[in-house]
Amino acid sequence: RPLAHIFVASKAPWFEIRGDLPRYDAYPPGVDAPVLADPPARDPGGGRPRGSCLCGAIAYVVESAPLRCWNCHCSRCRKARAAAYASNLFTPADGLRFTRGEDHLVTYKVPEARFFRQLFCRSCGSPMPRIDRERGFAVVPMGSLDDDPGMRPERHIFAASKAPWYEIPDDLPQHAEYPPST
């Protein structure tokens, strides 16, 4: 189980740290490791949140109001993000525009999955948004956002599949699978 929250001064503006684990702006005392400076804050882009990959080859802008924001605990999302869960922002399919580097996008489709695809940067491997035209929305990995989207996660989905070592620390609604009527 996690022992602390590190680099909390650099957390995403939409993410609220909960629970009673110790919090550190950098490494905890006793860890002698270099700390890299965060890049300078960016201009918020006229209220339209922007995002990019780690190496900067790919950039995008969310041009429509978000539809919803969920934390997904399914095994596919956990593995795709290499994390306890994925925080995903959903926007209309035509509400996402890549502004740079579409030629750097690589798609991986899980063979037996009807919808699940993972888009990532071919240079740095960062997960990137994917547009699902069949269902009419785009899925934006919130960790790739550079700006505050103005929306916070509203619920946990596929909570029955959560990582066995992770305890959900908040009181957001939890759904064992995909929520009904959404």
C-alpha atoms as a PDB file:
ATOM      1  CA  ARG A   1       0.000   0.000   0.000  1.00  0.00           C
ATOM      2  CA  PRO A   2       1.200   3.551  -0.611  1.00  0.00           C
ATOM      3  CA  LEU A   3       3.117   5.152   2.265  1.00  0.00           C
ATOM      4  CA  ALA A   4       3.010   8.840   1.276  1.00  0.00           C
ATOM      5  CA  HIS A   5       2.037  11.422  -1.327  1.00  0.00           C
ATOM      6  CA  ILE A   6       5.123  12.951  -2.943  1.00  0.00           C
ATOM      7  CA  PHE A   7       5.459  16.033  -5.153  1.00  0.00           C
ATOM      8  CA  VAL A   8       2.072  17.332  -3.971  1.00  0.00           C
ATOM      9  CA  ALA A   9       3.045  20.890  -4.941  1.00  0.00           C
ATOM     10  CA  SER A  10       3.068  19.689  -8.565  1.00  0.00           C
ATOM     11  CA  LYS A  11      -0.271  17.850  -8.522  1.00  0.00           C
ATOM     12  CA  ALA A  12      -2.903  18.431 -11.193  1.00  0.00           C
ATOM     13  CA  PRO A  13      -5.231  21.303 -10.251  1.00  0.00           C
ATOM     14  CA  TRP A  14      -8.308  19.095 -10.649  1.00  0.00           C
ATOM     15  CA  PHE A  15      -7.002  16.386  -8.300  1.00  0.00           C
ATOM     16  CA  GLU A  16      -7.871  16.543  -4.613  1.00  0.00           C
ATOM     17  CA  ILE A  17      -5.581  14.571  -2.320  1.00  0.00           C
ATOM     18  CA  ARG A  18      -7.579  12.813   0.376  1.00  0.00           C
ATOM     19  CA  GLY A  19      -6.721  10.552   3.239  1.00  0.00           C
ATOM     20  CA  ASP A  20      -4.197  10.837   6.022  1.00  0.00           C
ATOM     21  CA  LEU A  21      -0.990   9.719   4.301  1.00  0.00           C
ATOM     22  CA  PRO A  22       1.943  12.098   4.817  1.00  0.00           C
ATOM     23  CA  ARG A  23       2.366  14.713   2.079  1.00  0.00           C
ATOM     24  CA  TYR A  24       5.631  16.073   0.724  1.00  0.00           C
ATOM     25  CA  ASP A  25       6.328  18.794  -1.822  1.00  0.00           C
ATOM     26  CA  ALA A  26       9.279  16.742  -3.082  1.00  0.00           C
ATOM     27  CA  TYR A  27      10.786  13.514  -1.709  1.00  0.00           C
ATOM     28  CA  PRO A  28      10.304  12.603   1.955  1.00  0.00           C
ATOM     29  CA  PRO A  29      13.159  13.281   4.387  1.00  0.00           C
ATOM     30  CA  GLY A  30      16.009  10.834   3.989  1.00  0.00           C
ATOM     31  CA  VAL A  31      15.594  10.352   0.228  1.00  0.00           C
ATOM     32  CA  ASP A  32      18.534  11.893  -1.572  1.00  0.00           C
ATOM     33  CA  ALA A  33      17.448  12.228  -5.193  1.00  0.00           C
ATOM     34  CA  PRO A  34      17.488  15.100  -7.673  1.00  0.00           C
ATOM     35  CA  VAL A  35      14.329  17.154  -8.096  1.00  0.00           C
ATOM     36  CA  LEU A  36      13.602  18.655 -11.499  1.00  0.00           C
ATOM     37  CA  ALA A  37      11.904  22.043 -11.690  1.00  0.00           C
ATOM     38  CA  ASP A  38       8.375  22.151 -13.062  1.00  0.00           C
ATOM     39  CA  PRO A  39       7.978  23.942 -16.390  1.00  0.00           C
ATOM     40  CA  PRO A  40       6.614  27.487 -16.088  1.00  0.00           C
ATOM     41  CA  ALA A  41       2.831  27.807 -15.805  1.00  0.00           C
ATOM     42  CA  ARG A  42       1.071  28.284 -19.116  1.00  0.00           C
ATOM     43  CA  ASP A  43      -1.543  30.773 -20.197  1.00  0.00           C
ATOM     44  CA  PRO A  44      -4.904  29.019 -19.677  1.00  0.00           C
ATOM     45  CA  GLY A  45      -5.869  29.240 -23.360  1.00  0.00           C
ATOM     46  CA  GLY A  46      -9.089  31.209 -23.175  1.00  0.00           C
ATOM     47  CA  GLY A  47     -10.961  28.737 -21.005  1.00  0.00           C
ATOM     48  CA  ARG A  48     -10.340  25.786 -23.300  1.00  0.00           C
ATOM     49  CA  PRO A  49      -8.168  23.215 -21.539  1.00  0.00           C
ATOM     50  CA  ARG A  50      -5.119  22.051 -23.408  1.00  0.00           C
ATOM     51  CA  GLY A  51      -3.041  18.939 -23.050  1.00  0.00           C
ATOM     52  CA  SER A  52       0.130  17.346 -24.325  1.00  0.00           C
ATOM     53  CA  CYS A  53       2.376  14.334 -24.049  1.00  0.00           C
ATOM     54  CA  LEU A  54       5.512  14.133 -21.913  1.00  0.00           C
ATOM     55  CA  CYS A  55       7.940  14.872 -24.758  1.00  0.00           C
ATOM     56  CA  GLY A  56       5.761  17.642 -26.237  1.00  0.00           C
ATOM     57  CA  ALA A  57       5.424  16.066 -29.693  1.00  0.00           C
ATOM     58  CA  ILE A  58       1.604  15.871 -29.370  1.00  0.00           C
ATOM     59  CA  ALA A  59      -0.726  18.636 -28.223  1.00  0.00           C
ATOM     60  CA  TYR A  60      -4.501  18.998 -28.181  1.00  0.00           C
ATOM     61  CA  VAL A  61      -7.291  21.291 -27.038  1.00  0.00           C
ATOM     62  CA  VAL A  62     -10.693  20.402 -25.558  1.00  0.00           C
ATOM     63  CA  GLU A  63     -13.057  22.732 -27.413  1.00  0.00           C
ATOM     64  CA  SER A  64     -16.416  21.553 -26.009  1.00  0.00           C
ATOM     65  CA  ALA A  65     -17.759  21.519 -22.488  1.00  0.00           C
ATOM     66  CA  PRO A  66     -17.008  18.182 -20.810  1.00  0.00           C
ATOM     67  CA  LEU A  67     -19.851  15.668 -20.605  1.00  0.00           C
ATOM     68  CA  ARG A  68     -18.614  13.831 -17.519  1.00  0.00           C
ATOM     69  CA  CYS A  69     -15.530  12.910 -15.567  1.00  0.00           C
ATOM     70  CA  TRP A  70     -15.079   9.479 -13.988  1.00  0.00           C
ATOM     71  CA  ASN A  71     -12.394   7.472 -12.207  1.00  0.00           C
ATOM     72  CA  CYS A  72     -12.302   4.048 -13.872  1.00  0.00           C
ATOM     73  CA  HIS A  73     -10.972   1.030 -11.969  1.00  0.00           C
ATOM     74  CA  CYS A  74     -11.355  -1.591 -14.735  1.00  0.00           C
ATOM     75  CA  SER A  75      -8.260  -3.693 -15.350  1.00  0.00           C
ATOM     76  CA  ARG A  76      -7.799  -2.287 -18.859  1.00  0.00           C
ATOM     77  CA  CYS A  77      -7.705   1.328 -17.669  1.00  0.00           C
ATOM     78  CA  ARG A  78      -5.445   0.433 -14.741  1.00  0.00           C
ATOM     79  CA  LYS A  79      -2.964  -1.310 -17.026  1.00  0.00           C
ATOM     80  CA  ALA A  80      -3.166   1.389 -19.719  1.00  0.00           C
ATOM     81  CA  ARG A  81      -2.321   4.072 -17.133  1.00  0.00           C
ATOM     82  CA  ALA A  82      -0.043   1.909 -14.950  1.00  0.00           C
ATOM     83  CA  ALA A  83      -1.953   3.266 -11.960  1.00  0.00           C
ATOM     84  CA  ALA A  84      -4.607   2.364  -9.387  1.00  0.00           C
ATOM     85  CA  TYR A  85      -7.256   3.897 -11.654  1.00  0.00           C
ATOM     86  CA  ALA A  86      -7.690   6.181 -14.646  1.00  0.00           C
ATOM     87  CA  SER A  87      -9.269   9.622 -14.344  1.00  0.00           C
ATOM     88  CA  ASN A  88     -11.007  10.186 -17.673  1.00  0.00           C
ATOM     89  CA  LEU A  89     -12.763  13.272 -18.983  1.00  0.00           C
ATOM     90  CA  PHE A  90     -15.426  12.708 -21.641  1.00  0.00           C
ATOM     91  CA  THR A  91     -16.272  15.336 -24.249  1.00  0.00           C
ATOM     92  CA  PRO A  92     -18.289  15.214 -27.494  1.00  0.00           C
ATOM     93  CA  ALA A  93     -16.314  13.545 -30.306  1.00  0.00           C
ATOM     94  CA  ASP A  94     -16.142  16.791 -32.256  1.00  0.00           C
ATOM     95  CA  GLY A  95     -15.035  18.684 -29.133  1.00  0.00           C
ATOM     96  CA  LEU A  96     -11.419  17.517 -29.203  1.00  0.00           C
ATOM     97  CA  ARG A  97      -8.828  18.797 -31.651  1.00  0.00           C
ATOM     98  CA  PHE A  98      -5.192  17.806 -31.966  1.00  0.00           C
ATOM     99  CA  THR A  99      -3.062  20.902 -32.554  1.00  0.00           C
ATOM    100  CA  ARG A 100       0.272  19.169 -33.031  1.00  0.00           C
ATOM    101  CA  GLY A 101       1.737  15.742 -33.624  1.00  0.00           C
ATOM    102  CA  GLU A 102      -1.136  13.539 -34.804  1.00  0.00           C
ATOM    103  CA  ASP A 103       1.475  11.645 -36.812  1.00  0.00           C
ATOM    104  CA  HIS A 104       3.052  10.638 -33.465  1.00  0.00           C
ATOM    105  CA  LEU A 105      -0.125   8.862 -32.269  1.00  0.00           C
ATOM    106  CA  VAL A 106      -0.061   5.082 -32.069  1.00  0.00           C
ATOM    107  CA  THR A 107      -3.173   2.993 -31.423  1.00  0.00           C
ATOM    108  CA  TYR A 108      -3.351  -0.294 -29.585  1.00  0.00           C
ATOM    109  CA  LYS A 109      -6.666  -2.154 -29.635  1.00  0.00           C
ATOM    110  CA  VAL A 110      -7.275  -4.956 -27.179  1.00  0.00           C
ATOM    111  CA  PRO A 111      -8.139  -7.850 -29.563  1.00  0.00           C
ATOM    112  CA  GLU A 112     -11.278  -9.031 -27.755  1.00  0.00           C
ATOM    113  CA  ALA A 113     -12.526  -5.543 -26.844  1.00  0.00           C
ATOM    114  CA  ARG A 114     -15.324  -3.912 -28.794  1.00  0.00           C
ATOM    115  CA  PHE A 115     -14.434  -0.342 -27.846  1.00  0.00           C
ATOM    116  CA  PHE A 116     -11.263  -0.195 -25.761  1.00  0.00           C
ATOM    117  CA  ARG A 117      -8.329   1.356 -27.539  1.00  0.00           C
ATOM    118  CA  GLN A 118      -5.229   2.975 -26.150  1.00  0.00           C
ATOM    119  CA  LEU A 119      -3.700   5.937 -27.960  1.00  0.00           C
ATOM    120  CA  PHE A 120      -0.206   6.965 -26.982  1.00  0.00           C
ATOM    121  CA  CYS A 121       2.761   8.963 -28.190  1.00  0.00           C
ATOM    122  CA  ARG A 122       5.185   6.851 -30.197  1.00  0.00           C
ATOM    123  CA  SER A 123       8.131   8.817 -28.784  1.00  0.00           C
ATOM    124  CA  CYS A 124       7.443   9.000 -25.026  1.00  0.00           C
ATOM    125  CA  GLY A 125       4.534   6.561 -24.513  1.00  0.00           C
ATOM    126  CA  SER A 126       2.200   9.077 -22.837  1.00  0.00           C
ATOM    127  CA  PRO A 127      -1.482   8.093 -23.016  1.00  0.00           C
ATOM    128  CA  MET A 128      -3.371  10.495 -25.285  1.00  0.00           C
ATOM    129  CA  PRO A 129      -7.072  11.212 -25.916  1.00  0.00           C
ATOM    130  CA  ARG A 130      -8.990   8.943 -28.243  1.00  0.00           C
ATOM    131  CA  ILE A 131     -12.051   9.828 -30.265  1.00  0.00           C
ATOM    132  CA  ASP A 132     -14.830   7.223 -30.319  1.00  0.00           C
ATOM    133  CA  ARG A 133     -16.984   8.322 -33.263  1.00  0.00           C
ATOM    134  CA  GLU A 134     -19.254   5.271 -32.973  1.00  0.00           C
ATOM    135  CA  ARG A 135     -20.365   6.322 -29.492  1.00  0.00           C
ATOM    136  CA  GLY A 136     -20.008  10.061 -30.098  1.00  0.00           C
ATOM    137  CA  PHE A 137     -17.443  11.052 -27.488  1.00  0.00           C
ATOM    138  CA  ALA A 138     -13.746  11.481 -26.858  1.00  0.00           C
ATOM    139  CA  VAL A 139     -11.975  10.046 -23.808  1.00  0.00           C
ATOM    140  CA  VAL A 140      -9.307  12.361 -22.416  1.00  0.00           C
ATOM    141  CA  PRO A 141      -6.815  10.933 -19.893  1.00  0.00           C
ATOM    142  CA  MET A 142      -6.871  13.712 -17.315  1.00  0.00           C
ATOM    143  CA  GLY A 143      -3.195  13.238 -16.487  1.00  0.00           C
ATOM    144  CA  SER A 144      -2.351  14.543 -19.970  1.00  0.00           C
ATOM    145  CA  LEU A 145      -4.136  17.869 -19.381  1.00  0.00           C
ATOM    146  CA  ASP A 146      -1.925  20.936 -19.009  1.00  0.00           C
ATOM    147  CA  ASP A 147      -4.776  23.192 -17.878  1.00  0.00           C
ATOM    148  CA  ASP A 148      -7.574  22.837 -15.339  1.00  0.00           C
ATOM    149  CA  PRO A 149     -10.665  21.505 -17.158  1.00  0.00           C
ATOM    150  CA  GLY A 150     -12.975  23.019 -14.540  1.00  0.00           C
ATOM    151  CA  MET A 151     -14.540  19.632 -13.823  1.00  0.00           C
ATOM    152  CA  ARG A 152     -13.678  17.111 -11.140  1.00  0.00           C
ATOM    153  CA  PRO A 153     -14.232  13.345 -11.067  1.00  0.00           C
ATOM    154  CA  GLU A 154     -17.877  12.629 -10.214  1.00  0.00           C
ATOM    155  CA  ARG A 155     -17.871   8.886  -9.550  1.00  0.00           C
ATOM    156  CA  HIS A 156     -15.873   5.663  -9.550  1.00  0.00           C
ATOM    157  CA  ILE A 157     -16.786   3.069 -12.169  1.00  0.00           C
ATOM    158  CA  PHE A 158     -15.830  -0.613 -12.267  1.00  0.00           C
ATOM    159  CA  ALA A 159     -15.040  -0.336  -8.558  1.00  0.00           C
ATOM    160  CA  ALA A 160     -15.556  -4.103  -8.231  1.00  0.00           C
ATOM    161  CA  SER A 161     -12.400  -4.481 -10.365  1.00  0.00           C
ATOM    162  CA  LYS A 162     -10.249  -2.048  -8.378  1.00  0.00           C
ATOM    163  CA  ALA A 163      -6.657  -2.902  -7.534  1.00  0.00           C
ATOM    164  CA  PRO A 164      -6.651  -5.096  -4.418  1.00  0.00           C
ATOM    165  CA  TRP A 165      -4.005  -2.905  -2.763  1.00  0.00           C
ATOM    166  CA  TYR A 166      -5.942   0.342  -3.278  1.00  0.00           C
ATOM    167  CA  GLU A 167      -8.627   1.756  -0.967  1.00  0.00           C
ATOM    168  CA  ILE A 168     -10.885   4.416  -2.478  1.00  0.00           C
ATOM    169  CA  PRO A 169     -10.437   7.364  -0.067  1.00  0.00           C
ATOM    170  CA  ASP A 170     -13.413   9.560  -0.980  1.00  0.00           C
ATOM    171  CA  ASP A 171     -17.188   9.502  -0.793  1.00  0.00           C
ATOM    172  CA  LEU A 172     -17.907   9.774  -4.527  1.00  0.00           C
ATOM    173  CA  PRO A 173     -20.549   7.300  -5.771  1.00  0.00           C
ATOM    174  CA  GLN A 174     -19.111   3.885  -6.608  1.00  0.00           C
ATOM    175  CA  HIS A 175     -20.477   1.563  -9.289  1.00  0.00           C
ATOM    176  CA  ALA A 176     -19.437  -2.084  -9.487  1.00  0.00           C
ATOM    177  CA  GLU A 177     -19.395  -1.791 -13.286  1.00  0.00           C
ATOM    178  CA  TYR A 178     -20.537   0.829 -15.800  1.00  0.00           C
ATOM    179  CA  PRO A 179     -23.274   2.970 -14.252  1.00  0.00           C
ATOM    180  CA  PRO A 180     -26.816   2.432 -15.537  1.00  0.00           C
ATOM    181  CA  SER A 181     -28.452   5.020 -17.821  1.00  0.00           C
ATOM    182  CA  THR A 182     -25.333   6.961 -18.773  1.00  0.00           C
END
